[in-house]
Protein backbone atom coordinates (compact mmCIF):
# COMPACT_ATOMS: atom_id res chain seq x y z
CA MET A 1 -191.74 -139.75 -118.22
CA PRO A 2 -189.30 -137.66 -116.15
CA GLU A 3 -186.14 -136.44 -117.83
CA PRO A 4 -183.08 -138.35 -116.63
CA ARG A 5 -180.55 -136.49 -114.49
CA PRO A 6 -177.28 -135.50 -116.08
CA HIS A 7 -174.46 -137.85 -115.19
CA THR A 8 -172.42 -135.03 -113.72
CA ALA A 9 -175.01 -134.36 -111.03
CA VAL A 10 -173.94 -137.43 -109.09
CA SER A 11 -170.22 -137.08 -109.64
CA PRO A 12 -168.43 -137.30 -106.26
CA SER A 13 -166.48 -134.10 -106.80
CA PRO A 14 -165.96 -132.99 -103.18
CA ARG A 15 -163.76 -135.97 -102.23
CA PRO A 16 -161.16 -135.64 -104.99
CA SER A 17 -160.97 -131.85 -104.62
CA ALA A 18 -160.36 -132.19 -100.86
CA ALA A 19 -157.60 -134.74 -101.21
CA PRO A 20 -154.90 -132.44 -102.60
CA ALA A 21 -155.53 -129.90 -99.85
CA ASP A 22 -155.16 -132.56 -97.17
CA ARG A 23 -152.11 -134.20 -98.72
CA PRO A 24 -149.42 -131.72 -97.55
CA ARG A 25 -150.85 -131.72 -94.02
CA ARG A 26 -150.89 -135.52 -93.92
CA THR A 27 -147.39 -135.70 -95.41
CA TRP A 28 -145.95 -133.47 -92.70
CA ALA A 29 -147.81 -135.40 -90.02
CA VAL A 30 -146.25 -138.62 -91.36
CA LEU A 31 -142.84 -136.96 -91.48
CA ALA A 32 -143.22 -135.72 -87.90
CA ALA A 33 -144.15 -139.19 -86.63
CA ALA A 34 -141.26 -140.86 -88.48
CA CYS A 35 -138.74 -138.26 -87.30
CA ALA A 36 -139.95 -138.54 -83.70
CA GLY A 37 -139.28 -142.27 -83.85
CA GLN A 38 -135.79 -141.67 -85.23
CA PHE A 39 -135.10 -139.06 -82.53
CA LEU A 40 -135.92 -141.55 -79.76
CA VAL A 41 -133.73 -144.24 -81.32
CA VAL A 42 -130.65 -142.03 -81.64
CA LEU A 43 -131.23 -140.24 -78.33
CA ASP A 44 -131.06 -143.51 -76.39
CA VAL A 45 -127.62 -144.29 -77.74
CA SER A 46 -126.15 -141.49 -75.61
CA VAL A 47 -128.77 -140.26 -73.14
CA VAL A 48 -127.85 -142.76 -70.42
CA ASN A 49 -124.18 -141.72 -70.29
CA VAL A 50 -124.55 -139.06 -67.60
CA ALA A 51 -126.94 -141.26 -65.61
CA LEU A 52 -124.52 -144.20 -65.26
CA PRO A 53 -123.13 -143.23 -61.82
CA SER A 54 -126.67 -142.98 -60.40
CA MET A 55 -127.62 -146.32 -61.95
CA ARG A 56 -124.56 -147.92 -60.40
CA SER A 57 -125.31 -146.69 -56.88
CA ASP A 58 -129.03 -147.55 -57.02
CA LEU A 59 -128.74 -151.02 -58.58
CA GLY A 60 -125.31 -152.07 -57.32
CA LEU A 61 -123.88 -152.55 -60.80
CA SER A 62 -120.24 -153.49 -61.23
CA ALA A 63 -118.00 -151.54 -63.59
CA LEU A 64 -118.50 -154.25 -66.22
CA GLY A 65 -122.26 -154.21 -65.68
CA LEU A 66 -122.26 -150.45 -66.13
CA GLN A 67 -120.49 -150.83 -69.46
CA TRP A 68 -123.16 -153.28 -70.57
CA VAL A 69 -125.91 -150.74 -69.96
CA LEU A 70 -124.50 -149.12 -73.11
CA ASN A 71 -123.32 -152.24 -74.90
CA ALA A 72 -126.57 -154.21 -74.66
CA TYR A 73 -128.38 -151.49 -76.58
CA THR A 74 -125.62 -150.96 -79.16
CA ILE A 75 -125.12 -154.64 -79.98
CA ALA A 76 -128.82 -155.41 -80.38
CA PHE A 77 -129.33 -152.21 -82.38
CA ALA A 78 -126.48 -152.92 -84.81
CA GLY A 79 -127.08 -156.66 -85.04
CA PHE A 80 -130.77 -156.60 -85.99
CA MET A 81 -130.79 -153.52 -88.25
CA LEU A 82 -130.65 -155.30 -91.63
CA LEU A 83 -133.31 -157.75 -90.51
CA GLY A 84 -135.49 -154.85 -89.38
CA GLY A 85 -135.07 -153.14 -92.73
CA ARG A 86 -136.04 -156.22 -94.73
CA ALA A 87 -139.01 -156.86 -92.42
CA ALA A 88 -140.35 -153.41 -93.35
CA ASP A 89 -140.19 -154.39 -97.03
CA LEU A 90 -141.88 -157.75 -96.52
CA PHE A 91 -144.46 -157.13 -93.82
CA GLY A 92 -145.22 -153.41 -94.12
CA ARG A 93 -143.50 -150.21 -93.11
CA LYS A 94 -146.26 -148.98 -90.84
CA ARG A 95 -146.60 -152.36 -89.15
CA MET A 96 -142.86 -152.62 -88.44
CA PHE A 97 -142.75 -149.00 -87.29
CA LEU A 98 -145.46 -149.75 -84.74
CA VAL A 99 -143.90 -153.07 -83.71
CA GLY A 100 -140.48 -151.46 -83.22
CA LEU A 101 -141.84 -148.45 -81.35
CA GLY A 102 -144.04 -150.67 -79.19
CA LEU A 103 -141.06 -152.84 -78.21
CA PHE A 104 -138.93 -149.78 -77.57
CA THR A 105 -141.57 -148.11 -75.38
CA ALA A 106 -142.36 -151.27 -73.40
CA ALA A 107 -138.65 -151.87 -72.77
CA SER A 108 -138.31 -148.26 -71.58
CA VAL A 109 -140.98 -148.95 -68.95
CA ALA A 110 -139.17 -152.11 -67.84
CA GLY A 111 -135.81 -150.36 -67.68
CA GLY A 112 -137.14 -147.34 -65.81
CA LEU A 113 -138.76 -149.58 -63.19
CA ALA A 114 -135.86 -152.07 -62.92
CA ALA A 115 -135.11 -153.20 -59.37
CA GLU A 116 -132.06 -155.33 -60.27
CA GLY A 117 -129.12 -154.77 -62.57
CA TRP A 118 -129.95 -157.72 -64.84
CA GLN A 119 -133.44 -156.32 -65.39
CA LEU A 120 -131.99 -153.05 -66.64
CA LEU A 121 -129.56 -154.86 -68.96
CA ALA A 122 -132.35 -157.03 -70.40
CA ALA A 123 -134.52 -153.97 -70.95
CA ARG A 124 -131.71 -152.18 -72.75
CA ALA A 125 -131.21 -155.17 -75.07
CA VAL A 126 -134.93 -155.21 -75.94
CA GLN A 127 -134.77 -151.46 -76.46
CA GLY A 128 -131.99 -152.04 -78.98
CA LEU A 129 -134.04 -154.70 -80.75
CA GLY A 130 -137.02 -152.36 -80.98
CA ALA A 131 -134.75 -149.59 -82.28
CA ALA A 132 -133.35 -151.92 -84.96
CA VAL A 133 -136.88 -152.59 -86.23
CA LEU A 134 -137.96 -148.95 -85.89
CA ALA A 135 -135.01 -147.04 -87.37
CA PRO A 136 -135.08 -148.46 -90.94
CA ALA A 137 -138.84 -148.01 -91.10
CA THR A 138 -138.53 -144.30 -90.26
CA LEU A 139 -136.36 -143.51 -93.30
CA THR A 140 -138.43 -145.76 -95.58
CA ILE A 141 -141.64 -144.02 -94.49
CA VAL A 142 -140.05 -140.64 -95.21
CA THR A 143 -138.83 -141.58 -98.69
CA SER A 144 -142.05 -143.38 -99.66
CA SER A 145 -144.36 -140.61 -98.39
CA VAL A 146 -142.74 -137.74 -100.30
CA PRO A 147 -142.46 -137.70 -104.12
CA PRO A 148 -138.96 -137.64 -105.63
CA GLY A 149 -137.33 -134.28 -106.11
CA PRO A 150 -136.63 -131.24 -103.91
CA ALA A 151 -139.47 -132.11 -101.51
CA ARG A 152 -137.99 -135.52 -100.76
CA THR A 153 -134.53 -134.01 -100.33
CA ARG A 154 -135.94 -131.54 -97.78
CA ALA A 155 -137.72 -134.39 -95.99
CA ILE A 156 -134.50 -136.41 -95.80
CA GLY A 157 -132.78 -133.26 -94.52
CA THR A 158 -135.35 -133.01 -91.73
CA TRP A 159 -134.90 -136.71 -90.91
CA SER A 160 -131.11 -136.26 -90.83
CA ALA A 161 -131.39 -133.14 -88.66
CA VAL A 162 -133.67 -134.83 -86.14
CA GLY A 163 -131.47 -137.92 -85.97
CA ALA A 164 -128.31 -135.87 -85.53
CA GLY A 165 -130.07 -133.68 -82.99
CA GLY A 166 -131.11 -136.76 -81.04
CA GLY A 167 -127.50 -137.86 -80.67
CA ALA A 168 -126.42 -134.33 -79.82
CA ALA A 169 -129.18 -133.80 -77.26
CA GLY A 170 -128.40 -136.96 -75.30
CA GLY A 171 -126.03 -135.29 -72.83
CA LEU A 172 -128.34 -132.34 -72.16
CA VAL A 173 -131.52 -134.41 -71.80
CA GLY A 174 -129.77 -136.98 -69.61
CA GLY A 175 -128.22 -134.29 -67.42
CA VAL A 176 -131.49 -132.41 -66.91
CA LEU A 177 -133.52 -135.54 -66.11
CA THR A 178 -130.89 -137.03 -63.82
CA ASP A 179 -130.27 -133.80 -61.89
CA LEU A 180 -133.90 -132.73 -61.56
CA LEU A 181 -135.70 -136.10 -61.26
CA SER A 182 -133.73 -139.36 -61.25
CA TRP A 183 -131.86 -141.65 -63.61
CA ARG A 184 -135.08 -143.65 -64.13
CA TRP A 185 -136.60 -140.77 -66.08
CA VAL A 186 -133.84 -141.08 -68.66
CA LEU A 187 -135.77 -144.19 -69.76
CA LEU A 188 -139.30 -143.37 -68.60
CA ILE A 189 -139.41 -140.16 -70.65
CA ASN A 190 -139.66 -142.40 -73.73
CA VAL A 191 -143.03 -143.73 -72.59
CA PRO A 192 -145.30 -140.66 -73.02
CA VAL A 193 -143.42 -139.63 -76.16
CA GLY A 194 -143.66 -143.15 -77.59
CA ALA A 195 -147.38 -143.35 -76.80
CA VAL A 196 -148.07 -140.07 -78.61
CA VAL A 197 -146.05 -141.16 -81.64
CA ILE A 198 -147.84 -144.53 -81.77
CA VAL A 199 -151.23 -142.78 -81.86
CA ALA A 200 -150.00 -140.36 -84.53
CA ALA A 201 -148.62 -143.24 -86.61
CA VAL A 202 -151.87 -145.21 -86.41
CA LEU A 203 -153.85 -142.18 -87.57
CA CYS A 204 -151.50 -140.69 -90.17
CA ILE A 205 -149.24 -143.32 -91.72
CA ARG A 206 -150.63 -145.46 -94.52
CA GLU A 207 -149.48 -149.03 -94.81
CA GLY A 208 -147.19 -149.96 -97.65
CA ARG A 209 -144.55 -152.48 -98.46
CA GLY A 210 -141.95 -152.56 -101.15
CA ALA A 211 -142.09 -156.27 -101.89
CA GLU A 212 -145.66 -156.91 -102.96
CA GLY A 213 -146.34 -160.59 -103.33
CA ARG A 214 -143.09 -161.57 -101.63
CA ARG A 215 -143.70 -162.65 -98.05
CA ARG A 216 -140.84 -165.13 -97.61
CA LEU A 217 -138.07 -164.15 -95.21
CA ASP A 218 -134.58 -165.43 -95.94
CA LEU A 219 -134.10 -167.14 -92.56
CA PRO A 220 -130.51 -168.41 -93.09
CA GLY A 221 -129.46 -164.97 -94.27
CA ALA A 222 -131.24 -163.31 -91.35
CA VAL A 223 -129.48 -165.55 -88.82
CA LEU A 224 -126.06 -165.10 -90.41
CA ALA A 225 -126.33 -161.31 -90.81
CA THR A 226 -127.69 -160.77 -87.30
CA ALA A 227 -125.16 -163.07 -85.65
CA GLY A 228 -122.28 -161.64 -87.68
CA LEU A 229 -123.11 -157.97 -87.03
CA ALA A 230 -123.82 -158.63 -83.36
CA ALA A 231 -120.51 -160.50 -82.96
CA VAL A 232 -118.55 -157.70 -84.64
CA ALA A 233 -120.30 -155.12 -82.45
CA TYR A 234 -119.55 -157.21 -79.36
CA GLY A 235 -115.88 -157.47 -80.33
CA ILE A 236 -115.67 -153.73 -80.86
CA VAL A 237 -117.16 -152.86 -77.46
CA GLN A 238 -114.86 -155.40 -75.78
CA THR A 239 -111.85 -153.31 -76.76
CA GLU A 240 -112.56 -150.86 -73.94
CA GLN A 241 -111.96 -153.53 -71.30
CA ALA A 242 -109.72 -156.09 -73.00
CA GLY A 243 -107.83 -154.18 -75.71
CA TRP A 244 -107.47 -155.08 -79.36
CA GLY A 245 -105.06 -157.99 -78.97
CA ASP A 246 -106.98 -159.96 -76.34
CA ALA A 247 -108.82 -163.16 -77.24
CA ALA A 248 -112.03 -161.68 -75.81
CA THR A 249 -111.85 -159.10 -78.60
CA LEU A 250 -110.31 -161.05 -81.45
CA LEU A 251 -112.56 -164.13 -81.26
CA PRO A 252 -115.88 -162.29 -81.68
CA LEU A 253 -114.39 -159.91 -84.24
CA LEU A 254 -112.94 -162.68 -86.42
CA GLY A 255 -115.95 -164.92 -85.84
CA GLY A 256 -118.33 -162.12 -86.80
CA LEU A 257 -116.37 -161.33 -89.97
CA ALA A 258 -116.39 -165.03 -90.88
CA LEU A 259 -120.16 -165.19 -90.41
CA LEU A 260 -120.60 -162.11 -92.60
CA ALA A 261 -118.42 -163.72 -95.29
CA VAL A 262 -120.64 -166.83 -95.19
CA PHE A 263 -123.66 -164.52 -95.33
CA VAL A 264 -122.41 -162.96 -98.58
CA ALA A 265 -121.82 -166.41 -100.07
CA VAL A 266 -125.31 -167.58 -99.08
CA GLU A 267 -126.98 -164.42 -100.40
CA ALA A 268 -125.34 -164.90 -103.80
CA ARG A 269 -127.14 -168.26 -104.17
CA THR A 270 -130.51 -167.54 -102.53
CA ARG A 271 -133.56 -166.91 -104.70
CA GLU A 272 -135.06 -164.30 -102.33
CA PRO A 273 -132.09 -163.03 -100.32
CA LEU A 274 -132.23 -160.85 -97.23
CA MET A 275 -129.57 -158.64 -98.83
CA PRO A 276 -129.71 -158.69 -102.64
CA LEU A 277 -126.09 -158.09 -103.58
CA LYS A 278 -127.28 -156.16 -106.62
CA VAL A 279 -127.89 -153.12 -104.41
CA PHE A 280 -124.11 -152.68 -104.21
CA ARG A 281 -123.85 -152.43 -107.99
CA SER A 282 -125.14 -148.89 -107.61
CA ARG A 283 -122.05 -146.76 -106.99
CA PRO A 284 -124.01 -144.03 -105.19
CA VAL A 285 -125.45 -146.61 -102.76
CA SER A 286 -122.14 -148.36 -102.05
CA ALA A 287 -120.04 -145.17 -101.95
CA ALA A 288 -122.52 -143.31 -99.74
CA ASN A 289 -122.67 -146.16 -97.22
CA ALA A 290 -118.88 -146.41 -97.11
CA ALA A 291 -118.62 -142.66 -96.55
CA MET A 292 -121.35 -142.84 -93.90
CA LEU A 293 -119.35 -145.51 -92.03
CA VAL A 294 -116.06 -143.60 -92.25
CA ASN A 295 -117.50 -140.18 -91.35
CA GLY A 296 -119.66 -141.65 -88.59
CA SER A 297 -116.62 -143.25 -86.98
CA ALA A 298 -115.29 -139.78 -86.15
CA SER A 299 -118.48 -137.83 -85.46
CA PHE A 300 -119.97 -140.27 -82.93
CA ALA A 301 -116.79 -140.25 -80.86
CA MET A 302 -116.78 -136.44 -80.74
CA TRP A 303 -119.72 -136.31 -78.31
CA PHE A 304 -118.13 -138.82 -75.94
CA PHE A 305 -114.77 -137.05 -75.77
CA LEU A 306 -116.22 -133.57 -75.39
CA THR A 307 -118.63 -134.65 -72.64
CA VAL A 308 -115.89 -136.42 -70.66
CA TYR A 309 -113.44 -133.53 -71.24
CA ALA A 310 -115.97 -130.96 -70.01
CA GLN A 311 -116.72 -132.92 -66.83
CA GLY A 312 -113.43 -134.66 -66.09
CA VAL A 313 -110.98 -131.90 -67.05
CA LEU A 314 -112.85 -128.58 -66.95
CA GLY A 315 -114.96 -129.58 -63.93
CA TYR A 316 -118.44 -129.08 -65.40
CA SER A 317 -121.44 -130.77 -63.82
CA PRO A 318 -123.48 -133.15 -66.02
CA LEU A 319 -126.08 -130.44 -66.58
CA GLU A 320 -123.43 -127.80 -67.33
CA ALA A 321 -121.75 -130.14 -69.79
CA GLY A 322 -125.04 -130.74 -71.55
CA VAL A 323 -125.77 -127.01 -71.77
CA ALA A 324 -122.24 -126.35 -73.04
CA LEU A 325 -122.87 -128.60 -76.03
CA VAL A 326 -126.22 -127.02 -76.98
CA PRO A 327 -124.64 -124.73 -79.64
CA SER A 328 -122.99 -127.76 -81.23
CA SER A 329 -126.33 -129.57 -81.19
CA LEU A 330 -128.01 -126.63 -82.91
CA SER A 331 -125.25 -126.39 -85.53
CA VAL A 332 -125.71 -130.00 -86.66
CA VAL A 333 -129.43 -129.34 -87.05
CA LEU A 334 -128.67 -126.13 -88.98
CA GLY A 335 -126.26 -127.95 -91.28
CA SER A 336 -128.79 -130.69 -92.00
CA LYS A 337 -131.50 -128.13 -92.81
CA LEU A 338 -129.20 -126.03 -95.03
CA ALA A 339 -128.05 -129.09 -96.94
CA PRO A 340 -131.07 -129.46 -99.29
CA ARG A 341 -130.66 -125.87 -100.53
CA LEU A 342 -126.93 -126.25 -100.99
CA MET A 343 -127.38 -129.58 -102.78
CA ALA A 344 -129.37 -127.76 -105.45
CA LEU A 345 -126.42 -125.39 -105.97
CA VAL A 346 -123.33 -127.60 -105.74
CA GLY A 347 -124.68 -131.16 -106.02
CA ALA A 348 -125.00 -133.93 -103.47
CA ARG A 349 -121.53 -135.39 -103.93
CA ASP A 350 -119.69 -132.08 -103.64
CA LEU A 351 -121.70 -131.05 -100.58
CA ALA A 352 -120.89 -134.34 -98.85
CA ILE A 353 -117.19 -133.68 -99.52
CA LEU A 354 -117.46 -130.07 -98.33
CA GLY A 355 -119.20 -131.18 -95.14
CA ALA A 356 -116.47 -133.70 -94.36
CA LEU A 357 -113.79 -131.02 -94.92
CA VAL A 358 -115.56 -128.53 -92.63
CA ALA A 359 -115.88 -131.22 -89.94
CA ALA A 360 -112.18 -132.13 -90.37
CA ALA A 361 -111.25 -128.46 -89.84
CA GLY A 362 -113.29 -128.47 -86.63
CA PHE A 363 -111.56 -131.64 -85.44
CA GLY A 364 -108.20 -130.06 -86.17
CA TRP A 365 -109.15 -126.99 -84.13
CA GLN A 366 -110.42 -129.18 -81.29
CA SER A 367 -107.08 -131.02 -81.20
CA LEU A 368 -105.46 -127.78 -79.94
CA MET A 369 -107.36 -128.18 -76.64
CA ASP A 370 -105.54 -127.86 -73.31
CA ALA A 371 -106.33 -128.62 -69.68
CA ASP A 372 -107.24 -125.05 -68.72
CA GLY A 373 -108.71 -123.81 -71.98
CA SER A 374 -111.62 -121.39 -72.21
CA TYR A 375 -115.11 -122.51 -73.17
CA ALA A 376 -115.11 -120.37 -76.34
CA THR A 377 -111.95 -121.87 -77.84
CA THR A 378 -111.98 -125.45 -76.54
CA ILE A 379 -115.69 -126.38 -76.80
CA LEU A 380 -117.87 -123.71 -78.41
CA GLY A 381 -115.98 -122.78 -81.59
CA PRO A 382 -114.61 -126.16 -82.64
CA GLY A 383 -117.83 -127.92 -81.58
CA ILE A 384 -119.92 -125.71 -83.85
CA LEU A 385 -117.55 -126.22 -86.79
CA MET A 386 -117.39 -129.99 -86.32
CA MET A 387 -121.12 -130.46 -86.09
CA LEU A 388 -121.94 -128.00 -88.88
CA GLY A 389 -119.78 -130.12 -91.18
CA VAL A 390 -121.41 -133.34 -89.99
CA GLY A 391 -124.85 -131.87 -90.62
CA LEU A 392 -123.89 -130.76 -94.12
CA SER A 393 -122.64 -134.25 -95.04
CA ILE A 394 -125.36 -136.48 -93.52
CA THR A 395 -128.24 -135.33 -95.72
CA PRO A 396 -126.56 -135.75 -99.13
CA LEU A 397 -125.10 -139.13 -98.11
CA ALA A 398 -128.49 -140.41 -96.89
CA SER A 399 -130.15 -139.11 -100.04
CA LEU A 400 -127.57 -140.73 -102.33
CA ALA A 401 -127.66 -144.01 -100.39
CA THR A 402 -131.42 -144.35 -100.83
CA SER A 403 -131.75 -142.90 -104.33
CA GLY A 404 -130.70 -146.03 -106.19
CA ALA A 405 -132.87 -148.46 -104.24
CA ALA A 406 -135.63 -150.38 -105.99
CA PRO A 407 -139.03 -150.06 -104.26
CA GLY A 408 -138.78 -153.63 -103.01
CA ASP A 409 -135.44 -152.91 -101.33
CA ALA A 410 -136.19 -149.49 -99.81
CA GLY A 411 -136.45 -150.76 -96.25
CA LEU A 412 -133.32 -152.85 -96.60
CA VAL A 413 -131.29 -149.92 -97.97
CA SER A 414 -132.60 -147.73 -95.15
CA GLY A 415 -131.45 -150.38 -92.69
CA LEU A 416 -128.08 -150.45 -94.43
CA VAL A 417 -127.71 -146.67 -94.02
CA ASN A 418 -128.42 -146.90 -90.30
CA THR A 419 -126.17 -149.94 -89.93
CA SER A 420 -123.27 -148.15 -91.63
CA ARG A 421 -123.63 -145.14 -89.37
CA THR A 422 -124.07 -147.18 -86.17
CA MET A 423 -121.23 -149.63 -86.86
CA GLY A 424 -118.99 -146.76 -87.93
CA GLY A 425 -119.76 -144.95 -84.69
CA ALA A 426 -119.04 -148.00 -82.54
CA LEU A 427 -115.81 -148.78 -84.40
CA GLY A 428 -114.65 -145.17 -84.34
CA LEU A 429 -115.24 -144.76 -80.62
CA ALA A 430 -113.31 -147.97 -79.91
CA VAL A 431 -110.36 -147.01 -82.14
CA LEU A 432 -110.14 -143.39 -81.02
CA SER A 433 -110.48 -144.39 -77.35
CA THR A 434 -107.53 -146.73 -77.87
CA VAL A 435 -105.55 -143.92 -79.49
CA ALA A 436 -106.33 -141.59 -76.58
CA ALA A 437 -105.47 -144.23 -73.97
CA ALA A 438 -102.14 -144.99 -75.65
CA ARG A 439 -101.19 -141.31 -75.50
CA THR A 440 -102.44 -140.82 -71.93
CA GLY A 441 -100.68 -143.91 -70.57
CA ALA A 442 -100.88 -144.64 -66.85
CA SER A 443 -101.21 -140.98 -65.90
CA ALA A 444 -104.65 -139.65 -64.98
CA THR A 445 -103.70 -135.98 -64.68
CA PRO A 446 -105.88 -133.45 -66.57
CA GLU A 447 -102.91 -132.61 -68.79
CA ALA A 448 -102.35 -136.25 -69.77
CA VAL A 449 -106.03 -136.90 -70.39
CA THR A 450 -106.28 -133.76 -72.52
CA ALA A 451 -103.23 -134.77 -74.54
CA GLY A 452 -104.83 -138.16 -75.23
CA TYR A 453 -108.10 -136.59 -76.35
CA ALA A 454 -106.23 -134.08 -78.52
CA LEU A 455 -104.52 -136.95 -80.33
CA ALA A 456 -107.89 -138.66 -80.79
CA PHE A 457 -109.29 -135.50 -82.41
CA ARG A 458 -106.26 -135.21 -84.72
CA THR A 459 -106.81 -138.81 -85.73
CA GLY A 460 -110.49 -138.06 -86.29
CA ALA A 461 -109.53 -135.19 -88.61
CA VAL A 462 -107.43 -137.57 -90.69
CA VAL A 463 -110.33 -140.05 -90.83
CA LEU A 464 -112.69 -137.34 -92.08
CA LEU A 465 -110.19 -136.29 -94.74
CA ALA A 466 -110.04 -139.94 -95.83
CA GLY A 467 -113.86 -139.95 -96.00
CA ALA A 468 -113.82 -136.85 -98.21
CA LEU A 469 -111.22 -138.46 -100.51
CA LEU A 470 -113.23 -141.70 -100.66
CA THR A 471 -116.35 -139.77 -101.69
CA LEU A 472 -114.39 -137.80 -104.31
CA LEU A 473 -112.91 -140.92 -105.93
CA TRP A 474 -115.80 -143.39 -105.59
CA MET A 475 -118.97 -141.34 -105.90
CA PRO A 476 -119.94 -140.56 -109.51
CA ARG A 477 -119.73 -136.84 -110.27
CA ARG A 478 -123.28 -136.76 -111.58
CA ALA A 479 -124.76 -138.98 -108.86
CA GLU A 480 -128.16 -137.47 -108.20
CA GLN A 481 -130.99 -138.31 -105.88
CA HIS A 482 -134.05 -139.46 -107.83
């Protein structure tokens, strides 16, 4: 009778030993796919700005229609963000990432090929919807793919850097594509990039959801939150045309706030709420989101004012204006990448405060701008300081905001982070534009316009100081990312 083989002879040793070697490579592939999705989402907030005149002449858009090329995206993006975040928890992060990116890419095709103004506006709204589904999934994929600790902090730093870089690169990318090709490529460029990212996501990202066994969506909460956020966003963007005291602004603003108040009341009584109010019991989560909203209200407006100042006052072409802001774009990426190392030395809370103070110093320097200033002192120096500070603060705030989330709420909290930043940016641009317009008055001379923008930057510096104070007083000293 033959001697039986030892049990170890059939042990499948090669597979387990290969897994650890493949894990870092797969992790970075997942991180690259998620960050590429985030880059596209943030890029499309600003990339169309320099292409608006070409869109108007080609499609015969009115001034109001031109404004809605921007607003349709912003309102849909802000309004559906919480719903997109909860959908990632309930139905799967990978699935929602692919759904959001697919919608975004398809809408980019439709917008790039639009023959009528209404077609472009509809495409931009669908783009915003796709972005609202995609953006929360990107951060959730990052945090769920990397184990807690320094590696996760570095991953969040990369995500923050790519997102900030996307917003910063909008003017340059839009200027290059519009000048060298046409305005249509501002949208069509998303198609090949989106297709590559979809393939990478299918191959690299593993499915996962935070709410195993819970597949019920809180429909009343979803309707109330989406309608409320969209109405508030609509009211904010109306301020540019109607002002703050007009009924066209006040009605959607007050109506949206009322819907959000009803949403909170409903969520407190729902068994499986869209937004479990318990997430706000975590001081790091609530304080970080509040700081994200306040700081974002100043930093988003910075790109708009600098781009318009460079073109309208200093006489730069769209491409020249985009190139002029490249150092600022690189500094926000540098700040985001330095942040994980500095967090280990000074702590997340203190670094977020330091970043806000550095950004406030840059805003103060920028407020000294004049109508015939040099590039070095009116764009380069203050731009680098402002964006370095923003980069230093984004990573610790994002890390703190997601650190206290239960696994079942990870997508929702990621959506909340993006919502805070987006709504803060929209609100800040509206308020600071009003401040600038009040100072400029009826005059359209370069000196008057510059004086208005200078006041807006001084106001932004005060807002950032308030954000630093809020973080100091509200954020626990020992708040750490887990």
